[in-house]
Amino acid sequence: MQPAVTGWAAATEADPYSMPSAVQPSSKSTKEAVKNALSRWGRKVGEATRKAEDLSRNTWQHLRTAPSITEAAVGRIAQGTKVLAEGGHDKIFRQAFSAPPDEQLRKSYACYLSTSAGPVMGILYLSTARVAFCSDNPLSYEAAGGDATEWSYYKVAIPLHRLRTASASASKVNPAEKFIQLVSLDKHEFWFMGFVNYDSAVVHLQEALSGFHNLHA
């Protein structure tokens, strides 16, 4: 019967493959390194938590913007399925706006366009040449003469060289209601709201506008 292993010395005698090593006393630099690593980890966790909370609030606000929360949720799921089936936002953007090969899609954002008939759910596209919006579903309208009803997707396209400003704002009554106002050089205004990724939309729209103007200054 083999003797019981009671420590590294006994283990070494019983097993020539064991390699005991003396424990080095903790140093101040080691403690500081651990402290700094924990601090960085804590900041990352805090940032991830903040982003998750923002996403949750924005998603809820996105659904609340529609006349029916249930219809909005179902519509968003349907749109996600459509994007997957058709090969991504890039292909949908190119089909919807007949984008040439040299025009590249940078970002796409789920949101609403404010209209006189109410908010229209859709996708805001930011490309290297324009800002465009297309509704998720066709909307009805009266044909010429008013004797028939037709259906069409609601689209807006503003070339970057025709865009004057992209401004962020929020409701004073309800700060959770956030907007992005686009104003063209000929003073046409477009209001977008209910963004799922509001902060990202603001940053990239303003960066694209600033970069385009600086490039062509």
N, C-alpha and C. Protein backbone atom coordinates (compact mmCIF):
# COMPACT_ATOMS: atom_id res chain seq x y z
N MET A 1 0.85 -1.20 0.00
CA MET A 1 0.00 0.00 0.00
C MET A 1 0.88 1.24 0.00
N GLN A 2 0.55 2.21 -0.85
CA GLN A 2 1.32 3.45 -0.90
C GLN A 2 0.99 4.33 0.30
N PRO A 3 2.02 4.99 0.87
CA PRO A 3 1.75 5.89 1.99
C PRO A 3 0.93 7.07 1.55
N ALA A 4 0.10 7.64 2.46
CA ALA A 4 -0.73 8.82 2.15
C ALA A 4 0.16 10.00 1.87
N VAL A 5 -0.25 10.81 0.89
CA VAL A 5 0.51 12.02 0.55
C VAL A 5 0.09 13.12 1.50
N THR A 6 1.04 13.63 2.26
CA THR A 6 0.72 14.65 3.26
C THR A 6 1.30 16.00 2.92
N GLY A 7 2.08 16.12 1.91
CA GLY A 7 2.65 17.41 1.55
C GLY A 7 3.51 17.27 0.31
N TRP A 8 4.08 18.41 -0.10
CA TRP A 8 4.89 18.39 -1.32
C TRP A 8 6.09 17.48 -1.20
N ALA A 9 6.69 17.43 0.03
CA ALA A 9 7.88 16.59 0.21
C ALA A 9 7.53 15.13 0.00
N ALA A 10 6.41 14.68 0.64
CA ALA A 10 5.98 13.30 0.47
C ALA A 10 5.58 13.04 -0.97
N ALA A 11 4.93 14.01 -1.61
CA ALA A 11 4.52 13.83 -2.99
C ALA A 11 5.73 13.68 -3.90
N THR A 12 6.81 14.40 -3.59
CA THR A 12 8.01 14.33 -4.40
C THR A 12 8.68 12.97 -4.29
N GLU A 13 8.68 12.43 -3.08
CA GLU A 13 9.26 11.12 -2.87
C GLU A 13 8.44 10.05 -3.57
N ALA A 14 7.11 10.20 -3.53
CA ALA A 14 6.24 9.18 -4.13
C ALA A 14 6.12 9.34 -5.64
N ASP A 15 6.27 10.57 -6.12
CA ASP A 15 6.05 10.86 -7.55
C ASP A 15 7.18 11.74 -8.05
N PRO A 16 8.13 11.20 -8.80
CA PRO A 16 9.27 11.98 -9.27
C PRO A 16 8.88 13.05 -10.29
N TYR A 17 7.61 13.04 -10.73
CA TYR A 17 7.19 14.02 -11.72
C TYR A 17 6.60 15.29 -11.11
N SER A 18 6.36 15.26 -9.80
CA SER A 18 5.85 16.45 -9.13
C SER A 18 6.96 17.49 -9.03
N MET A 19 6.57 18.77 -9.18
CA MET A 19 7.56 19.84 -9.15
C MET A 19 7.11 20.93 -8.19
N PRO A 20 7.39 20.76 -6.89
CA PRO A 20 7.01 21.79 -5.92
C PRO A 20 7.84 23.05 -6.14
N SER A 21 7.22 24.19 -5.82
CA SER A 21 7.92 25.47 -5.97
C SER A 21 7.59 26.35 -4.80
N ALA A 22 8.58 27.04 -4.31
CA ALA A 22 8.38 27.92 -3.15
C ALA A 22 7.48 29.09 -3.52
N VAL A 23 6.61 29.49 -2.60
CA VAL A 23 5.69 30.61 -2.82
C VAL A 23 6.42 31.91 -2.54
N GLN A 24 6.42 32.82 -3.52
CA GLN A 24 7.08 34.11 -3.34
C GLN A 24 6.17 35.04 -2.53
N PRO A 25 6.75 35.78 -1.63
CA PRO A 25 5.95 36.72 -0.85
C PRO A 25 5.32 37.78 -1.75
N SER A 26 4.09 38.19 -1.42
CA SER A 26 3.39 39.20 -2.22
C SER A 26 4.14 40.51 -2.18
N SER A 27 4.21 41.14 -3.32
CA SER A 27 4.89 42.44 -3.39
C SER A 27 3.85 43.53 -3.62
N LYS A 28 4.28 44.75 -3.37
CA LYS A 28 3.37 45.90 -3.53
C LYS A 28 2.97 46.04 -4.98
N SER A 29 3.94 45.79 -5.90
CA SER A 29 3.64 45.95 -7.32
C SER A 29 2.59 44.94 -7.77
N THR A 30 2.65 43.71 -7.22
CA THR A 30 1.67 42.69 -7.57
C THR A 30 0.28 43.10 -7.10
N LYS A 31 0.21 43.60 -5.88
CA LYS A 31 -1.08 44.05 -5.33
C LYS A 31 -1.65 45.19 -6.17
N GLU A 32 -0.79 46.11 -6.60
CA GLU A 32 -1.26 47.24 -7.40
C GLU A 32 -1.76 46.77 -8.75
N ALA A 33 -1.05 45.76 -9.32
CA ALA A 33 -1.47 45.23 -10.62
C ALA A 33 -2.85 44.59 -10.53
N VAL A 34 -3.06 43.83 -9.45
CA VAL A 34 -4.36 43.19 -9.25
C VAL A 34 -5.44 44.25 -9.04
N LYS A 35 -5.11 45.26 -8.24
CA LYS A 35 -6.06 46.33 -7.97
C LYS A 35 -6.44 47.07 -9.25
N ASN A 36 -5.45 47.35 -10.10
CA ASN A 36 -5.71 48.05 -11.35
C ASN A 36 -6.54 47.19 -12.31
N ALA A 37 -6.23 45.88 -12.34
CA ALA A 37 -6.99 44.97 -13.20
C ALA A 37 -8.44 44.90 -12.77
N LEU A 38 -8.68 44.82 -11.45
CA LEU A 38 -10.05 44.78 -10.95
C LEU A 38 -10.78 46.09 -11.25
N SER A 39 -10.03 47.20 -11.17
CA SER A 39 -10.64 48.50 -11.44
C SER A 39 -11.06 48.59 -12.91
N ARG A 40 -10.19 48.13 -13.82
CA ARG A 40 -10.53 48.15 -15.25
C ARG A 40 -11.72 47.24 -15.52
N TRP A 41 -11.73 46.09 -14.90
CA TRP A 41 -12.84 45.15 -15.07
C TRP A 41 -14.14 45.76 -14.59
N GLY A 42 -14.06 46.46 -13.44
CA GLY A 42 -15.25 47.10 -12.89
C GLY A 42 -15.79 48.18 -13.82
N ARG A 43 -14.89 48.94 -14.44
CA ARG A 43 -15.33 49.99 -15.37
C ARG A 43 -15.99 49.38 -16.61
N LYS A 44 -15.43 48.26 -17.10
CA LYS A 44 -16.00 47.60 -18.27
C LYS A 44 -17.39 47.05 -17.96
N VAL A 45 -17.52 46.46 -16.76
CA VAL A 45 -18.82 45.92 -16.36
C VAL A 45 -19.84 47.06 -16.23
N GLY A 46 -19.39 48.18 -15.64
CA GLY A 46 -20.28 49.33 -15.49
C GLY A 46 -20.71 49.89 -16.83
N GLU A 47 -19.77 49.96 -17.79
CA GLU A 47 -20.09 50.47 -19.12
C GLU A 47 -21.05 49.53 -19.84
N ALA A 48 -20.80 48.22 -19.71
CA ALA A 48 -21.69 47.24 -20.35
C ALA A 48 -23.09 47.31 -19.76
N THR A 49 -23.16 47.51 -18.43
CA THR A 49 -24.46 47.63 -17.77
C THR A 49 -25.21 48.86 -18.24
N ARG A 50 -24.47 49.97 -18.36
CA ARG A 50 -25.08 51.22 -18.82
C ARG A 50 -25.62 51.07 -20.24
N LYS A 51 -24.83 50.42 -21.12
CA LYS A 51 -25.27 50.23 -22.50
C LYS A 51 -26.50 49.33 -22.56
N ALA A 52 -26.51 48.31 -21.72
CA ALA A 52 -27.66 47.40 -21.69
C ALA A 52 -28.91 48.14 -21.21
N GLU A 53 -28.75 49.00 -20.21
CA GLU A 53 -29.89 49.77 -19.71
C GLU A 53 -30.39 50.75 -20.77
N ASP A 54 -29.45 51.40 -21.47
CA ASP A 54 -29.83 52.33 -22.54
C ASP A 54 -30.58 51.60 -23.65
N LEU A 55 -30.08 50.42 -24.02
CA LEU A 55 -30.72 49.64 -25.07
C LEU A 55 -32.13 49.23 -24.66
N SER A 56 -32.27 48.84 -23.39
CA SER A 56 -33.58 48.43 -22.88
C SER A 56 -34.56 49.60 -22.92
N ARG A 57 -34.11 50.77 -22.45
CA ARG A 57 -34.99 51.96 -22.46
C ARG A 57 -35.34 52.35 -23.89
N ASN A 58 -34.35 52.35 -24.78
CA ASN A 58 -34.60 52.75 -26.16
C ASN A 58 -35.54 51.78 -26.87
N THR A 59 -35.37 50.49 -26.59
CA THR A 59 -36.25 49.50 -27.21
C THR A 59 -37.69 49.69 -26.75
N TRP A 60 -37.87 49.92 -25.45
CA TRP A 60 -39.21 50.15 -24.91
C TRP A 60 -39.81 51.42 -25.52
N GLN A 61 -39.00 52.48 -25.62
CA GLN A 61 -39.49 53.72 -26.22
C GLN A 61 -39.81 53.52 -27.70
N HIS A 62 -39.02 52.70 -28.37
CA HIS A 62 -39.25 52.39 -29.78
C HIS A 62 -40.62 51.75 -29.96
N LEU A 63 -40.95 50.79 -29.09
CA LEU A 63 -42.24 50.11 -29.19
C LEU A 63 -43.39 51.03 -28.81
N ARG A 64 -43.16 51.89 -27.84
CA ARG A 64 -44.22 52.80 -27.37
C ARG A 64 -44.54 53.87 -28.40
N THR A 65 -43.60 54.16 -29.30
CA THR A 65 -43.83 55.22 -30.29
C THR A 65 -44.94 54.85 -31.26
N ALA A 66 -45.10 53.55 -31.51
CA ALA A 66 -46.14 53.09 -32.43
C ALA A 66 -47.51 53.18 -31.77
N PRO A 67 -48.58 53.28 -32.56
CA PRO A 67 -49.94 53.30 -31.99
C PRO A 67 -50.25 52.04 -31.19
N SER A 68 -49.65 50.91 -31.58
CA SER A 68 -49.87 49.65 -30.88
C SER A 68 -48.52 49.00 -30.57
N ILE A 69 -48.25 48.77 -29.29
CA ILE A 69 -46.99 48.15 -28.89
C ILE A 69 -46.88 46.74 -29.47
N THR A 70 -47.99 46.00 -29.43
CA THR A 70 -47.99 44.63 -29.95
C THR A 70 -47.68 44.61 -31.44
N GLU A 71 -48.33 45.49 -32.20
CA GLU A 71 -48.08 45.54 -33.63
C GLU A 71 -46.65 45.96 -33.93
N ALA A 72 -46.12 46.86 -33.11
CA ALA A 72 -44.74 47.31 -33.30
C ALA A 72 -43.76 46.17 -33.06
N ALA A 73 -44.01 45.39 -32.00
CA ALA A 73 -43.12 44.26 -31.69
C ALA A 73 -43.17 43.22 -32.80
N VAL A 74 -44.37 42.90 -33.26
CA VAL A 74 -44.52 41.92 -34.34
C VAL A 74 -43.87 42.45 -35.62
N GLY A 75 -44.06 43.74 -35.88
CA GLY A 75 -43.48 44.34 -37.08
C GLY A 75 -41.96 44.32 -37.05
N ARG A 76 -41.39 44.57 -35.87
CA ARG A 76 -39.93 44.57 -35.76
C ARG A 76 -39.37 43.17 -35.97
N ILE A 77 -40.08 42.15 -35.45
CA ILE A 77 -39.65 40.77 -35.65
C ILE A 77 -39.75 40.41 -37.14
N ALA A 78 -40.83 40.84 -37.77
CA ALA A 78 -41.02 40.56 -39.20
C ALA A 78 -39.93 41.22 -40.03
N GLN A 79 -39.56 42.43 -39.65
CA GLN A 79 -38.50 43.14 -40.38
C GLN A 79 -37.16 42.43 -40.22
N GLY A 80 -36.89 41.94 -39.01
CA GLY A 80 -35.66 41.21 -38.78
C GLY A 80 -35.60 39.94 -39.61
N THR A 81 -36.74 39.26 -39.73
CA THR A 81 -36.82 38.06 -40.56
C THR A 81 -36.59 38.39 -42.03
N LYS A 82 -37.14 39.52 -42.46
CA LYS A 82 -36.98 39.95 -43.85
C LYS A 82 -35.52 40.26 -44.16
N VAL A 83 -34.85 40.91 -43.22
CA VAL A 83 -33.44 41.26 -43.41
C VAL A 83 -32.60 39.99 -43.58
N LEU A 84 -32.88 38.99 -42.74
CA LEU A 84 -32.14 37.73 -42.83
C LEU A 84 -32.43 37.01 -44.15
N ALA A 85 -33.70 37.00 -44.54
CA ALA A 85 -34.10 36.29 -45.75
C ALA A 85 -33.54 36.93 -47.02
N GLU A 86 -33.42 38.25 -47.02
CA GLU A 86 -32.97 38.95 -48.23
C GLU A 86 -31.48 39.24 -48.25
N GLY A 87 -30.77 38.79 -47.20
CA GLY A 87 -29.31 38.91 -47.25
C GLY A 87 -28.71 40.12 -46.59
N GLY A 88 -29.45 40.78 -45.69
CA GLY A 88 -28.88 41.89 -44.94
C GLY A 88 -29.40 43.25 -45.36
N HIS A 89 -29.11 44.24 -44.51
CA HIS A 89 -29.57 45.61 -44.78
C HIS A 89 -28.97 46.18 -46.05
N ASP A 90 -27.74 45.80 -46.37
CA ASP A 90 -27.08 46.36 -47.55
C ASP A 90 -27.87 46.04 -48.82
N LYS A 91 -28.30 44.81 -48.97
CA LYS A 91 -29.05 44.42 -50.17
C LYS A 91 -30.42 45.10 -50.21
N ILE A 92 -31.07 45.20 -49.05
CA ILE A 92 -32.37 45.86 -49.01
C ILE A 92 -32.23 47.34 -49.37
N PHE A 93 -31.19 47.97 -48.86
CA PHE A 93 -30.93 49.38 -49.17
C PHE A 93 -30.71 49.58 -50.66
N ARG A 94 -29.89 48.73 -51.26
CA ARG A 94 -29.59 48.87 -52.69
C ARG A 94 -30.82 48.66 -53.56
N GLN A 95 -31.66 47.72 -53.16
CA GLN A 95 -32.88 47.47 -53.92
C GLN A 95 -33.87 48.62 -53.77
N ALA A 96 -33.99 49.14 -52.55
CA ALA A 96 -34.97 50.18 -52.28
C ALA A 96 -34.61 51.52 -52.93
N PHE A 97 -33.29 51.81 -53.00
CA PHE A 97 -32.87 53.14 -53.47
C PHE A 97 -31.99 53.09 -54.72
N SER A 98 -31.92 51.93 -55.36
CA SER A 98 -31.15 51.77 -56.60
C SER A 98 -29.74 52.35 -56.45
N ALA A 99 -29.08 51.97 -55.37
CA ALA A 99 -27.75 52.50 -55.06
C ALA A 99 -26.72 51.97 -56.05
N PRO A 100 -25.84 52.82 -56.57
CA PRO A 100 -24.79 52.36 -57.49
C PRO A 100 -23.73 51.56 -56.73
N PRO A 101 -22.91 50.78 -57.43
CA PRO A 101 -21.91 49.94 -56.78
C PRO A 101 -20.91 50.69 -55.90
N ASP A 102 -20.60 51.95 -56.27
CA ASP A 102 -19.59 52.68 -55.50
C ASP A 102 -20.17 53.35 -54.25
N GLU A 103 -21.48 53.26 -54.06
CA GLU A 103 -22.09 53.82 -52.83
C GLU A 103 -22.13 52.72 -51.77
N GLN A 104 -21.50 52.98 -50.64
CA GLN A 104 -21.40 51.98 -49.58
C GLN A 104 -22.31 52.33 -48.40
N LEU A 105 -23.02 51.34 -47.91
CA LEU A 105 -23.86 51.53 -46.73
C LEU A 105 -22.99 51.48 -45.49
N ARG A 106 -23.10 52.50 -44.64
CA ARG A 106 -22.30 52.55 -43.41
C ARG A 106 -23.06 52.02 -42.21
N LYS A 107 -24.27 52.53 -42.01
CA LYS A 107 -25.04 52.15 -40.84
C LYS A 107 -26.52 52.08 -41.19
N SER A 108 -27.27 51.34 -40.38
CA SER A 108 -28.73 51.30 -40.52
C SER A 108 -29.33 51.28 -39.13
N TYR A 109 -30.44 51.99 -38.96
CA TYR A 109 -31.05 52.14 -37.64
C TYR A 109 -32.56 51.99 -37.71
N ALA A 110 -33.09 51.17 -36.81
CA ALA A 110 -34.55 51.05 -36.68
C ALA A 110 -35.07 52.29 -35.97
N CYS A 111 -36.09 52.93 -36.54
CA CYS A 111 -36.62 54.16 -35.94
C CYS A 111 -37.99 54.47 -36.57
N TYR A 112 -38.45 55.69 -36.34
CA TYR A 112 -39.70 56.17 -36.93
C TYR A 112 -39.45 57.53 -37.59
N LEU A 113 -40.17 57.78 -38.65
CA LEU A 113 -40.18 59.11 -39.27
C LEU A 113 -41.50 59.78 -38.89
N SER A 114 -41.41 60.98 -38.37
CA SER A 114 -42.60 61.73 -37.99
C SER A 114 -43.26 62.31 -39.25
N THR A 115 -44.55 62.03 -39.43
CA THR A 115 -45.29 62.56 -40.57
C THR A 115 -46.60 63.17 -40.06
N SER A 116 -47.29 63.88 -40.93
CA SER A 116 -48.55 64.50 -40.55
C SER A 116 -49.60 63.45 -40.20
N ALA A 117 -49.43 62.22 -40.71
CA ALA A 117 -50.38 61.14 -40.43
C ALA A 117 -49.96 60.31 -39.21
N GLY A 118 -48.84 60.67 -38.60
CA GLY A 118 -48.36 59.92 -37.45
C GLY A 118 -46.99 59.32 -37.71
N PRO A 119 -46.39 58.70 -36.71
CA PRO A 119 -45.05 58.11 -36.88
C PRO A 119 -45.09 56.88 -37.79
N VAL A 120 -44.11 56.79 -38.67
CA VAL A 120 -43.99 55.67 -39.61
C VAL A 120 -42.76 54.86 -39.23
N MET A 121 -42.97 53.57 -38.95
CA MET A 121 -41.86 52.70 -38.57
C MET A 121 -41.06 52.29 -39.79
N GLY A 122 -39.73 52.30 -39.64
CA GLY A 122 -38.88 51.91 -40.76
C GLY A 122 -37.42 51.85 -40.38
N ILE A 123 -36.57 51.94 -41.39
CA ILE A 123 -35.13 51.88 -41.20
C ILE A 123 -34.49 53.13 -41.78
N LEU A 124 -33.62 53.76 -41.00
CA LEU A 124 -32.84 54.90 -41.47
C LEU A 124 -31.49 54.39 -41.93
N TYR A 125 -31.13 54.70 -43.17
CA TYR A 125 -29.86 54.23 -43.74
C TYR A 125 -28.89 55.40 -43.88
N LEU A 126 -27.65 55.16 -43.51
CA LEU A 126 -26.59 56.15 -43.70
C LEU A 126 -25.55 55.53 -44.63
N SER A 127 -25.39 56.12 -45.80
CA SER A 127 -24.42 55.60 -46.76
C SER A 127 -23.33 56.64 -46.99
N THR A 128 -22.42 56.35 -47.88
CA THR A 128 -21.35 57.29 -48.20
C THR A 128 -21.86 58.46 -49.03
N ALA A 129 -23.10 58.40 -49.49
CA ALA A 129 -23.62 59.46 -50.35
C ALA A 129 -24.89 60.13 -49.84
N ARG A 130 -25.62 59.46 -48.92
CA ARG A 130 -26.91 60.03 -48.51
C ARG A 130 -27.40 59.46 -47.19
N VAL A 131 -28.47 60.10 -46.70
CA VAL A 131 -29.24 59.58 -45.58
C VAL A 131 -30.61 59.24 -46.17
N ALA A 132 -31.07 58.02 -45.93
CA ALA A 132 -32.33 57.58 -46.54
C ALA A 132 -33.18 56.85 -45.52
N PHE A 133 -34.48 56.87 -45.75
CA PHE A 133 -35.43 56.18 -44.87
C PHE A 133 -36.42 55.43 -45.73
N CYS A 134 -36.75 54.21 -45.31
CA CYS A 134 -37.79 53.43 -45.99
C CYS A 134 -38.66 52.77 -44.93
N SER A 135 -39.96 52.90 -45.09
CA SER A 135 -40.89 52.28 -44.13
C SER A 135 -40.78 50.77 -44.19
N ASP A 136 -41.08 50.13 -43.07
CA ASP A 136 -41.05 48.66 -43.03
C ASP A 136 -42.13 48.05 -43.91
N ASN A 137 -43.27 48.72 -43.98
CA ASN A 137 -44.41 48.19 -44.72
C ASN A 137 -44.98 49.24 -45.67
N PRO A 138 -45.66 48.81 -46.73
CA PRO A 138 -46.30 49.77 -47.63
C PRO A 138 -47.43 50.51 -46.90
N LEU A 139 -47.62 51.77 -47.26
CA LEU A 139 -48.68 52.59 -46.69
C LEU A 139 -49.71 52.90 -47.76
N SER A 140 -50.96 53.04 -47.35
CA SER A 140 -52.03 53.31 -48.31
C SER A 140 -52.14 54.81 -48.58
N TYR A 141 -52.56 55.13 -49.79
CA TYR A 141 -52.82 56.53 -50.14
C TYR A 141 -53.83 56.55 -51.29
N GLU A 142 -54.49 57.69 -51.41
CA GLU A 142 -55.49 57.81 -52.47
C GLU A 142 -54.82 58.14 -53.79
N ALA A 143 -55.17 57.40 -54.82
CA ALA A 143 -54.62 57.65 -56.15
C ALA A 143 -55.22 58.93 -56.72
N ALA A 144 -54.65 59.39 -57.80
CA ALA A 144 -55.15 60.61 -58.45
C ALA A 144 -56.63 60.45 -58.77
N GLY A 145 -57.39 61.46 -58.37
CA GLY A 145 -58.83 61.41 -58.59
C GLY A 145 -59.59 60.95 -57.36
N GLY A 146 -58.88 60.30 -56.44
CA GLY A 146 -59.49 59.90 -55.18
C GLY A 146 -60.46 58.75 -55.27
N ASP A 147 -60.49 58.05 -56.42
CA ASP A 147 -61.45 56.96 -56.57
C ASP A 147 -60.83 55.58 -56.36
N ALA A 148 -59.57 55.55 -55.93
CA ALA A 148 -58.90 54.26 -55.70
C ALA A 148 -57.83 54.42 -54.63
N THR A 149 -57.55 53.33 -53.94
CA THR A 149 -56.50 53.32 -52.91
C THR A 149 -55.32 52.49 -53.39
N GLU A 150 -54.16 53.08 -53.31
CA GLU A 150 -52.95 52.37 -53.71
C GLU A 150 -52.00 52.25 -52.52
N TRP A 151 -51.00 51.40 -52.69
CA TRP A 151 -50.05 51.14 -51.61
C TRP A 151 -48.63 51.37 -52.09
N SER A 152 -47.83 51.96 -51.22
CA SER A 152 -46.44 52.22 -51.59
C SER A 152 -45.58 52.37 -50.32
N TYR A 153 -44.32 52.01 -50.42
CA TYR A 153 -43.40 52.23 -49.31
C TYR A 153 -43.13 53.73 -49.19
N TYR A 154 -43.01 54.18 -47.94
CA TYR A 154 -42.71 55.60 -47.68
C TYR A 154 -41.20 55.75 -47.66
N LYS A 155 -40.68 56.54 -48.59
CA LYS A 155 -39.23 56.70 -48.70
C LYS A 155 -38.82 58.16 -48.66
N VAL A 156 -37.65 58.38 -48.07
CA VAL A 156 -37.03 59.71 -48.04
C VAL A 156 -35.55 59.50 -48.34
N ALA A 157 -34.97 60.33 -49.18
CA ALA A 157 -33.54 60.24 -49.48
C ALA A 157 -32.96 61.65 -49.58
N ILE A 158 -31.96 61.93 -48.74
CA ILE A 158 -31.32 63.25 -48.74
C ILE A 158 -29.84 63.07 -49.03
N PRO A 159 -29.37 63.54 -50.19
CA PRO A 159 -27.93 63.46 -50.48
C PRO A 159 -27.13 64.23 -49.42
N LEU A 160 -25.99 63.72 -49.05
CA LEU A 160 -25.19 64.39 -48.02
C LEU A 160 -24.80 65.81 -48.44
N HIS A 161 -24.64 66.04 -49.74
CA HIS A 161 -24.26 67.39 -50.17
C HIS A 161 -25.45 68.35 -50.10
N ARG A 162 -26.66 67.82 -49.86
CA ARG A 162 -27.84 68.67 -49.70
C ARG A 162 -28.29 68.76 -48.24
N LEU A 163 -27.54 68.13 -47.35
CA LEU A 163 -27.92 68.11 -45.92
C LEU A 163 -27.16 69.20 -45.17
N ARG A 164 -27.92 70.05 -44.47
CA ARG A 164 -27.29 71.15 -43.74
C ARG A 164 -26.92 70.76 -42.33
N THR A 165 -27.87 70.19 -41.57
CA THR A 165 -27.60 69.86 -40.17
C THR A 165 -28.25 68.53 -39.78
N ALA A 166 -27.67 67.94 -38.73
CA ALA A 166 -28.24 66.75 -38.09
C ALA A 166 -28.16 67.02 -36.59
N SER A 167 -29.31 67.34 -35.99
CA SER A 167 -29.32 67.81 -34.60
C SER A 167 -30.06 66.83 -33.68
N ALA A 168 -29.50 66.65 -32.49
CA ALA A 168 -30.12 65.79 -31.48
C ALA A 168 -30.93 66.64 -30.51
N SER A 169 -32.07 66.12 -30.08
CA SER A 169 -32.90 66.83 -29.10
C SER A 169 -33.76 65.82 -28.34
N ALA A 170 -34.38 66.29 -27.27
CA ALA A 170 -35.25 65.42 -26.47
C ALA A 170 -36.43 66.23 -25.96
N SER A 171 -37.52 65.54 -25.66
CA SER A 171 -38.71 66.19 -25.14
C SER A 171 -38.44 66.73 -23.74
N LYS A 172 -38.87 67.96 -23.47
CA LYS A 172 -38.70 68.53 -22.14
C LYS A 172 -39.64 67.87 -21.13
N VAL A 173 -40.77 67.42 -21.61
CA VAL A 173 -41.74 66.76 -20.73
C VAL A 173 -41.30 65.35 -20.40
N ASN A 174 -40.83 64.63 -21.43
CA ASN A 174 -40.38 63.24 -21.26
C ASN A 174 -39.01 63.08 -21.91
N PRO A 175 -37.93 63.20 -21.16
CA PRO A 175 -36.57 63.12 -21.72
C PRO A 175 -36.28 61.81 -22.45
N ALA A 176 -37.06 60.77 -22.18
CA ALA A 176 -36.85 59.49 -22.86
C ALA A 176 -37.23 59.58 -24.33
N GLU A 177 -38.05 60.57 -24.70
CA GLU A 177 -38.43 60.77 -26.09
C GLU A 177 -37.34 61.59 -26.77
N LYS A 178 -36.51 60.92 -27.54
CA LYS A 178 -35.37 61.57 -28.18
C LYS A 178 -35.58 61.65 -29.69
N PHE A 179 -35.07 62.71 -30.28
CA PHE A 179 -35.28 62.97 -31.70
C PHE A 179 -33.96 63.30 -32.39
N ILE A 180 -33.96 63.10 -33.69
CA ILE A 180 -32.89 63.60 -34.55
C ILE A 180 -33.56 64.39 -35.67
N GLN A 181 -33.19 65.65 -35.79
CA GLN A 181 -33.75 66.52 -36.82
C GLN A 181 -32.74 66.69 -37.94
N LEU A 182 -33.17 66.39 -39.15
CA LEU A 182 -32.35 66.62 -40.33
C LEU A 182 -32.93 67.79 -41.10
N VAL A 183 -32.07 68.72 -41.47
CA VAL A 183 -32.52 69.90 -42.23
C VAL A 183 -31.69 70.00 -43.50
N SER A 184 -32.38 70.09 -44.64
CA SER A 184 -31.70 70.19 -45.93
C SER A 184 -31.31 71.63 -46.21
N LEU A 185 -30.49 71.82 -47.22
CA LEU A 185 -30.06 73.17 -47.57
C LEU A 185 -31.23 74.05 -48.00
N ASP A 186 -32.27 73.43 -48.58
CA ASP A 186 -33.45 74.21 -48.98
C ASP A 186 -34.52 74.21 -47.89
N LYS A 187 -34.08 73.94 -46.64
CA LYS A 187 -34.89 74.12 -45.42
C LYS A 187 -36.04 73.12 -45.25
N HIS A 188 -35.93 71.96 -45.85
CA HIS A 188 -36.89 70.89 -45.56
C HIS A 188 -36.45 70.20 -44.27
N GLU A 189 -37.41 69.95 -43.38
CA GLU A 189 -37.10 69.34 -42.09
C GLU A 189 -37.67 67.92 -42.01
N PHE A 190 -36.88 67.04 -41.41
CA PHE A 190 -37.31 65.66 -41.20
C PHE A 190 -36.99 65.28 -39.75
N TRP A 191 -37.99 64.76 -39.06
CA TRP A 191 -37.82 64.39 -37.65
C TRP A 191 -37.89 62.87 -37.50
N PHE A 192 -36.85 62.31 -36.91
CA PHE A 192 -36.79 60.88 -36.67
C PHE A 192 -36.79 60.62 -35.16
N MET A 193 -37.43 59.55 -34.73
CA MET A 193 -37.55 59.29 -33.29
C MET A 193 -37.66 57.78 -33.06
N GLY A 194 -37.72 57.41 -31.77
CA GLY A 194 -37.89 56.00 -31.42
C GLY A 194 -36.73 55.12 -31.85
N PHE A 195 -35.51 55.66 -31.80
CA PHE A 195 -34.33 54.89 -32.19
C PHE A 195 -34.03 53.80 -31.17
N VAL A 196 -33.67 52.61 -31.64
CA VAL A 196 -33.21 51.56 -30.74
C VAL A 196 -31.78 51.85 -30.32
N ASN A 197 -30.97 52.42 -31.23
CA ASN A 197 -29.58 52.80 -30.93
C ASN A 197 -29.41 54.29 -31.20
N TYR A 198 -30.00 55.08 -30.31
CA TYR A 198 -30.05 56.53 -30.52
C TYR A 198 -28.66 57.18 -30.53
N ASP A 199 -27.86 56.92 -29.49
CA ASP A 199 -26.55 57.58 -29.37
C ASP A 199 -25.67 57.28 -30.58
N SER A 200 -25.67 56.04 -31.02
CA SER A 200 -24.87 55.66 -32.18
C SER A 200 -25.35 56.40 -33.44
N ALA A 201 -26.66 56.53 -33.58
CA ALA A 201 -27.21 57.22 -34.75
C ALA A 201 -26.77 58.69 -34.76
N VAL A 202 -26.84 59.34 -33.62
CA VAL A 202 -26.44 60.75 -33.53
C VAL A 202 -24.97 60.91 -33.90
N VAL A 203 -24.12 60.10 -33.30
CA VAL A 203 -22.67 60.20 -33.53
C VAL A 203 -22.32 59.98 -35.00
N HIS A 204 -22.84 58.91 -35.59
CA HIS A 204 -22.47 58.59 -36.97
C HIS A 204 -23.08 59.56 -37.99
N LEU A 205 -24.29 60.04 -37.74
CA LEU A 205 -24.87 61.03 -38.64
C LEU A 205 -24.07 62.33 -38.63
N GLN A 206 -23.73 62.79 -37.44
CA GLN A 206 -22.99 64.05 -37.32
C GLN A 206 -21.58 63.90 -37.86
N GLU A 207 -20.95 62.75 -37.62
CA GLU A 207 -19.61 62.51 -38.15
C GLU A 207 -19.63 62.46 -39.68
N ALA A 208 -20.63 61.80 -40.24
CA ALA A 208 -20.73 61.70 -41.70
C ALA A 208 -20.94 63.06 -42.33
N LEU A 209 -21.81 63.87 -41.72
CA LEU A 209 -22.10 65.20 -42.24
C LEU A 209 -20.88 66.09 -42.15
N SER A 210 -20.22 66.08 -40.99
CA SER A 210 -19.03 66.90 -40.79
C SER A 210 -17.90 66.48 -41.73
N GLY A 211 -17.71 65.17 -41.83
CA GLY A 211 -16.65 64.67 -42.71
C GLY A 211 -16.90 65.02 -44.17
N PHE A 212 -18.14 64.92 -44.61
CA PHE A 212 -18.48 65.23 -46.00
C PHE A 212 -18.25 66.71 -46.29
N HIS A 213 -18.68 67.57 -45.38
CA HIS A 213 -18.51 69.01 -45.59
C HIS A 213 -17.04 69.39 -45.56
N ASN A 214 -16.26 68.80 -44.65
CA ASN A 214 -14.83 69.10 -44.59
C ASN A 214 -14.11 68.63 -45.85
N LEU A 215 -14.53 67.47 -46.38
CA LEU A 215 -13.89 66.92 -47.58
C LEU A 215 -14.14 67.79 -48.80
N HIS A 216 -15.32 68.43 -48.82
CA HIS A 216 -15.67 69.23 -49.99
C HIS A 216 -15.60 70.73 -49.71
N ALA A 217 -14.96 71.11 -48.63
CA ALA A 217 -14.83 72.54 -48.30
C ALA A 217 -13.84 73.22 -49.27
